[in-house]
């Protein structure tokens, strides 16, 4: 298990899928990351056949929703949870750790 810190500038996670494919998750800003793929020479490639990225319904955490790609990228919001499947096999599970510290003040 690894963590991905949205507070670190240029934070990047890489997962070698074999067959000359590397999955990347790269932080764009404090709220958004992008998931994309490269070959072993770091050339960006099209989303491999068989990749499906799911997010989950807020009211029913068991209901998967297919995440839409934008060109060759999947935008990921740090407040959501995701599952990445390759050929119907789960390869990554991403769970946010967002927490709020709520302070109250006496009246």
N, C-alpha and C. Protein backbone atom coordinates (compact mmCIF):
# COMPACT_ATOMS: atom_id res chain seq x y z
N UNK A 1 0.85 -1.18 0.00
CA UNK A 1 0.00 0.00 0.00
C UNK A 1 0.89 1.23 0.00
N UNK A 2 0.51 2.21 -0.79
CA UNK A 2 1.22 3.49 -0.86
C UNK A 2 0.23 4.62 -0.68
N UNK A 3 0.74 5.78 -0.34
CA UNK A 3 -0.12 6.96 -0.27
C UNK A 3 0.32 7.95 -1.35
N UNK A 4 -0.63 8.76 -1.77
CA UNK A 4 -0.41 9.79 -2.76
C UNK A 4 -0.77 11.11 -2.11
N UNK A 5 0.18 11.98 -1.92
CA UNK A 5 0.00 13.21 -1.16
C UNK A 5 -0.30 14.37 -2.10
N UNK A 6 -1.52 14.93 -1.99
CA UNK A 6 -1.90 16.05 -2.84
C UNK A 6 -1.24 17.36 -2.42
N UNK A 7 -0.53 17.38 -1.29
CA UNK A 7 0.12 18.62 -0.88
C UNK A 7 1.51 18.74 -1.49
N UNK A 8 2.04 17.66 -2.05
CA UNK A 8 3.38 17.71 -2.64
C UNK A 8 3.30 18.12 -4.11
N UNK A 9 4.03 19.14 -4.48
CA UNK A 9 4.07 19.60 -5.86
C UNK A 9 4.70 18.52 -6.74
N UNK A 10 4.12 18.32 -7.91
CA UNK A 10 4.60 17.34 -8.90
C UNK A 10 4.64 15.92 -8.37
N UNK A 11 3.77 15.59 -7.42
CA UNK A 11 3.71 14.22 -6.92
C UNK A 11 3.21 13.32 -8.05
N UNK A 12 3.84 12.16 -8.19
CA UNK A 12 3.46 11.23 -9.25
C UNK A 12 3.59 9.80 -8.75
N UNK A 13 2.61 8.98 -9.12
CA UNK A 13 2.61 7.56 -8.81
C UNK A 13 2.67 6.81 -10.13
N UNK A 14 3.49 5.77 -10.20
CA UNK A 14 3.59 4.96 -11.42
C UNK A 14 3.37 3.49 -11.08
N UNK A 15 2.64 2.81 -11.95
CA UNK A 15 2.33 1.40 -11.77
C UNK A 15 2.65 0.69 -13.08
N UNK A 16 3.64 -0.20 -13.06
CA UNK A 16 4.04 -0.93 -14.26
C UNK A 16 3.05 -2.05 -14.51
N UNK A 17 2.32 -1.96 -15.61
CA UNK A 17 1.31 -2.94 -15.95
C UNK A 17 1.87 -4.08 -16.80
N UNK A 18 3.14 -4.01 -17.12
CA UNK A 18 3.72 -5.01 -18.02
C UNK A 18 3.33 -4.70 -19.46
N UNK A 19 3.74 -5.54 -20.39
CA UNK A 19 3.40 -5.35 -21.81
C UNK A 19 3.69 -3.94 -22.30
N UNK A 20 4.78 -3.33 -21.81
CA UNK A 20 5.19 -2.00 -22.26
C UNK A 20 4.17 -0.91 -21.93
N UNK A 21 3.48 -1.03 -20.78
CA UNK A 21 2.49 -0.03 -20.36
C UNK A 21 2.73 0.37 -18.91
N UNK A 22 2.74 1.68 -18.68
CA UNK A 22 2.89 2.21 -17.33
C UNK A 22 1.73 3.16 -17.06
N UNK A 23 1.04 2.93 -15.96
CA UNK A 23 -0.05 3.79 -15.53
C UNK A 23 0.55 4.88 -14.65
N UNK A 24 0.17 6.12 -14.90
CA UNK A 24 0.66 7.27 -14.12
C UNK A 24 -0.52 7.98 -13.47
N UNK A 25 -0.33 8.43 -12.25
CA UNK A 25 -1.25 9.35 -11.60
C UNK A 25 -0.40 10.54 -11.19
N UNK A 26 -0.73 11.71 -11.72
CA UNK A 26 0.08 12.91 -11.46
C UNK A 26 -0.80 14.04 -10.96
N UNK A 27 -0.34 14.67 -9.89
CA UNK A 27 -1.05 15.81 -9.29
C UNK A 27 -0.98 17.01 -10.23
N UNK A 28 -2.14 17.63 -10.47
CA UNK A 28 -2.20 18.85 -11.28
C UNK A 28 -2.26 20.09 -10.38
N UNK A 29 -3.04 19.98 -9.31
CA UNK A 29 -3.16 21.06 -8.33
C UNK A 29 -3.63 20.44 -7.02
N UNK A 30 -4.05 21.26 -6.06
CA UNK A 30 -4.43 20.75 -4.75
C UNK A 30 -5.70 19.92 -4.74
N UNK A 31 -6.44 19.88 -5.84
CA UNK A 31 -7.70 19.14 -5.85
C UNK A 31 -7.84 18.12 -6.95
N UNK A 32 -6.95 18.16 -7.95
CA UNK A 32 -7.13 17.30 -9.12
C UNK A 32 -5.82 16.62 -9.50
N UNK A 33 -5.95 15.36 -9.87
CA UNK A 33 -4.83 14.61 -10.45
C UNK A 33 -5.30 14.08 -11.80
N UNK A 34 -4.37 13.58 -12.58
CA UNK A 34 -4.72 13.01 -13.87
C UNK A 34 -4.11 11.61 -13.96
N UNK A 35 -4.88 10.68 -14.49
CA UNK A 35 -4.42 9.32 -14.71
C UNK A 35 -4.20 9.16 -16.21
N UNK A 36 -3.01 8.68 -16.59
CA UNK A 36 -2.71 8.48 -18.02
C UNK A 36 -1.72 7.33 -18.14
N UNK A 37 -1.39 6.97 -19.37
CA UNK A 37 -0.54 5.82 -19.64
C UNK A 37 0.61 6.21 -20.56
N UNK A 38 1.76 5.56 -20.32
CA UNK A 38 2.92 5.74 -21.21
C UNK A 38 3.48 4.36 -21.54
N UNK A 39 4.35 4.36 -22.54
CA UNK A 39 5.12 3.15 -22.79
C UNK A 39 6.38 3.23 -21.93
N UNK A 40 7.25 2.24 -22.04
CA UNK A 40 8.44 2.21 -21.19
C UNK A 40 9.45 3.30 -21.55
N UNK A 41 9.27 3.95 -22.69
CA UNK A 41 10.15 5.05 -23.10
C UNK A 41 9.55 6.40 -22.68
N UNK A 42 8.51 6.37 -21.86
CA UNK A 42 7.81 7.56 -21.34
C UNK A 42 7.04 8.33 -22.40
N UNK A 43 6.70 7.69 -23.51
CA UNK A 43 5.85 8.30 -24.53
C UNK A 43 4.40 8.04 -24.14
N UNK A 44 3.59 9.10 -24.12
CA UNK A 44 2.18 8.95 -23.77
C UNK A 44 1.50 8.08 -24.82
N UNK A 45 0.65 7.15 -24.36
CA UNK A 45 -0.06 6.26 -25.27
C UNK A 45 -1.56 6.37 -25.02
N UNK A 46 -2.34 5.84 -25.96
CA UNK A 46 -3.79 5.80 -25.78
C UNK A 46 -4.15 4.92 -24.60
N UNK A 47 -5.32 5.15 -24.05
CA UNK A 47 -5.79 4.33 -22.94
C UNK A 47 -5.89 2.89 -23.45
N UNK A 48 -5.23 1.96 -22.77
CA UNK A 48 -5.25 0.57 -23.25
C UNK A 48 -6.66 -0.02 -23.25
N UNK A 49 -6.93 -0.88 -24.24
CA UNK A 49 -8.20 -1.60 -24.26
C UNK A 49 -8.32 -2.41 -22.98
N UNK A 50 -9.49 -2.43 -22.41
CA UNK A 50 -9.71 -3.20 -21.20
C UNK A 50 -9.59 -2.41 -19.92
N UNK A 51 -9.18 -1.13 -20.01
CA UNK A 51 -9.11 -0.26 -18.82
C UNK A 51 -10.47 0.35 -18.57
N UNK A 52 -10.94 0.24 -17.33
CA UNK A 52 -12.16 0.93 -16.90
C UNK A 52 -11.86 1.56 -15.55
N UNK A 53 -12.20 2.84 -15.42
CA UNK A 53 -12.02 3.56 -14.16
C UNK A 53 -13.42 3.85 -13.62
N UNK A 54 -13.61 3.46 -12.36
CA UNK A 54 -14.89 3.68 -11.70
C UNK A 54 -14.73 4.66 -10.55
N UNK A 55 -15.77 5.45 -10.33
CA UNK A 55 -15.93 6.20 -9.10
C UNK A 55 -17.20 5.65 -8.46
N UNK A 56 -17.64 6.23 -7.35
CA UNK A 56 -18.77 5.67 -6.63
C UNK A 56 -19.83 6.72 -6.34
N UNK A 57 -21.08 6.29 -6.29
CA UNK A 57 -22.21 7.14 -5.97
C UNK A 57 -22.09 7.61 -4.53
N UNK A 58 -22.37 8.88 -4.27
CA UNK A 58 -22.26 9.43 -2.92
C UNK A 58 -23.30 8.85 -1.96
N UNK A 59 -24.46 8.51 -2.49
CA UNK A 59 -25.52 8.01 -1.63
C UNK A 59 -25.51 6.49 -1.50
N UNK A 60 -24.87 5.80 -2.43
CA UNK A 60 -24.78 4.34 -2.38
C UNK A 60 -23.33 3.97 -2.71
N UNK A 61 -22.51 3.81 -1.68
CA UNK A 61 -21.08 3.61 -1.89
C UNK A 61 -20.74 2.30 -2.61
N UNK A 62 -21.72 1.43 -2.78
CA UNK A 62 -21.49 0.18 -3.51
C UNK A 62 -21.81 0.30 -4.99
N UNK A 63 -22.39 1.43 -5.41
CA UNK A 63 -22.77 1.62 -6.81
C UNK A 63 -21.61 2.25 -7.59
N UNK A 64 -21.05 1.48 -8.51
CA UNK A 64 -19.95 1.96 -9.33
C UNK A 64 -20.48 2.82 -10.47
N UNK A 65 -19.74 3.87 -10.78
CA UNK A 65 -20.06 4.75 -11.90
C UNK A 65 -18.81 4.83 -12.78
N UNK A 66 -18.97 4.58 -14.05
CA UNK A 66 -17.82 4.62 -14.97
C UNK A 66 -17.34 6.06 -15.11
N UNK A 67 -16.06 6.28 -14.87
CA UNK A 67 -15.43 7.59 -15.01
C UNK A 67 -15.12 7.81 -16.49
N UNK A 68 -15.45 8.96 -17.01
CA UNK A 68 -15.20 9.28 -18.41
C UNK A 68 -13.80 9.83 -18.59
N UNK A 69 -13.16 9.40 -19.65
CA UNK A 69 -11.84 9.92 -20.01
C UNK A 69 -12.01 11.18 -20.85
N UNK A 70 -11.01 12.04 -20.77
CA UNK A 70 -10.92 13.21 -21.65
C UNK A 70 -9.68 13.00 -22.48
N UNK A 71 -9.89 12.69 -23.74
CA UNK A 71 -8.81 12.32 -24.67
C UNK A 71 -8.07 11.11 -24.10
N UNK A 72 -6.82 11.27 -23.69
CA UNK A 72 -6.01 10.16 -23.18
C UNK A 72 -5.88 10.18 -21.66
N UNK A 73 -6.67 11.00 -20.98
CA UNK A 73 -6.53 11.20 -19.54
C UNK A 73 -7.85 10.96 -18.80
N UNK A 74 -7.70 10.50 -17.57
CA UNK A 74 -8.83 10.44 -16.64
C UNK A 74 -8.57 11.49 -15.56
N UNK A 75 -9.43 12.52 -15.45
CA UNK A 75 -9.27 13.46 -14.33
C UNK A 75 -9.77 12.80 -13.05
N UNK A 76 -9.02 12.96 -11.96
CA UNK A 76 -9.37 12.39 -10.68
C UNK A 76 -9.43 13.50 -9.63
N UNK A 77 -10.52 13.55 -8.91
CA UNK A 77 -10.71 14.54 -7.84
C UNK A 77 -10.31 13.92 -6.52
N UNK A 78 -9.56 14.60 -5.71
CA UNK A 78 -9.03 13.99 -4.49
C UNK A 78 -10.08 13.70 -3.44
N UNK A 79 -11.29 14.16 -3.60
CA UNK A 79 -12.34 13.86 -2.64
C UNK A 79 -13.12 12.59 -2.98
N UNK A 80 -12.85 11.99 -4.14
CA UNK A 80 -13.57 10.80 -4.58
C UNK A 80 -12.72 9.55 -4.42
N UNK A 81 -13.39 8.40 -4.41
CA UNK A 81 -12.73 7.10 -4.41
C UNK A 81 -12.82 6.52 -5.81
N UNK A 82 -11.83 5.72 -6.18
CA UNK A 82 -11.77 5.14 -7.53
C UNK A 82 -11.32 3.69 -7.48
N UNK A 83 -11.72 2.95 -8.49
CA UNK A 83 -11.23 1.61 -8.75
C UNK A 83 -10.80 1.57 -10.22
N UNK A 84 -9.63 1.02 -10.47
CA UNK A 84 -9.15 0.87 -11.84
C UNK A 84 -9.09 -0.62 -12.14
N UNK A 85 -9.78 -1.00 -13.21
CA UNK A 85 -9.78 -2.39 -13.64
C UNK A 85 -9.10 -2.50 -15.01
N UNK A 86 -8.40 -3.61 -15.18
CA UNK A 86 -7.79 -3.93 -16.47
C UNK A 86 -8.24 -5.34 -16.84
N UNK A 87 -8.95 -5.43 -17.95
CA UNK A 87 -9.51 -6.71 -18.40
C UNK A 87 -10.35 -7.36 -17.30
N UNK A 88 -11.19 -6.51 -16.66
CA UNK A 88 -12.14 -6.92 -15.62
C UNK A 88 -11.50 -7.39 -14.32
N UNK A 89 -10.20 -7.12 -14.15
CA UNK A 89 -9.50 -7.44 -12.91
C UNK A 89 -9.08 -6.14 -12.24
N UNK A 90 -9.43 -5.98 -10.97
CA UNK A 90 -9.08 -4.76 -10.23
C UNK A 90 -7.56 -4.72 -10.05
N UNK A 91 -6.95 -3.62 -10.53
CA UNK A 91 -5.50 -3.48 -10.38
C UNK A 91 -5.13 -2.41 -9.37
N UNK A 92 -5.98 -1.40 -9.19
CA UNK A 92 -5.73 -0.35 -8.20
C UNK A 92 -7.04 0.06 -7.56
N UNK A 93 -6.95 0.39 -6.30
CA UNK A 93 -8.07 0.93 -5.55
C UNK A 93 -7.57 2.20 -4.88
N UNK A 94 -8.28 3.30 -5.08
CA UNK A 94 -7.85 4.60 -4.57
C UNK A 94 -8.92 5.11 -3.61
N UNK A 95 -8.53 5.34 -2.35
CA UNK A 95 -9.46 5.81 -1.32
C UNK A 95 -8.96 7.12 -0.75
N UNK A 96 -9.83 8.13 -0.78
CA UNK A 96 -9.43 9.43 -0.25
C UNK A 96 -9.34 9.36 1.27
N UNK A 97 -8.55 10.25 1.83
CA UNK A 97 -8.37 10.34 3.27
C UNK A 97 -8.74 11.72 3.78
N UNK A 98 -9.64 12.36 3.08
CA UNK A 98 -10.00 13.72 3.44
C UNK A 98 -10.68 13.76 4.80
N UNK A 99 -10.24 14.68 5.62
CA UNK A 99 -10.83 14.87 6.94
C UNK A 99 -10.92 16.36 7.21
N UNK A 100 -11.91 16.75 7.97
CA UNK A 100 -12.04 18.13 8.41
C UNK A 100 -11.88 18.18 9.91
N UNK A 101 -11.18 19.15 10.37
CA UNK A 101 -11.11 19.43 11.80
C UNK A 101 -12.08 20.57 12.05
N UNK A 102 -13.12 20.31 12.81
CA UNK A 102 -14.15 21.32 13.06
C UNK A 102 -13.95 21.86 14.47
N UNK A 103 -13.75 23.16 14.53
CA UNK A 103 -13.58 23.83 15.82
C UNK A 103 -14.82 24.67 16.09
N UNK A 104 -15.28 24.64 17.29
CA UNK A 104 -16.41 25.49 17.62
C UNK A 104 -15.97 26.50 18.66
N UNK A 105 -16.64 27.62 18.65
CA UNK A 105 -16.32 28.71 19.55
C UNK A 105 -17.50 28.98 20.46
N UNK A 106 -17.23 29.16 21.72
CA UNK A 106 -18.31 29.44 22.67
C UNK A 106 -18.90 30.80 22.36
N UNK A 107 -20.21 30.87 22.56
CA UNK A 107 -20.92 32.13 22.28
C UNK A 107 -20.80 33.07 23.45
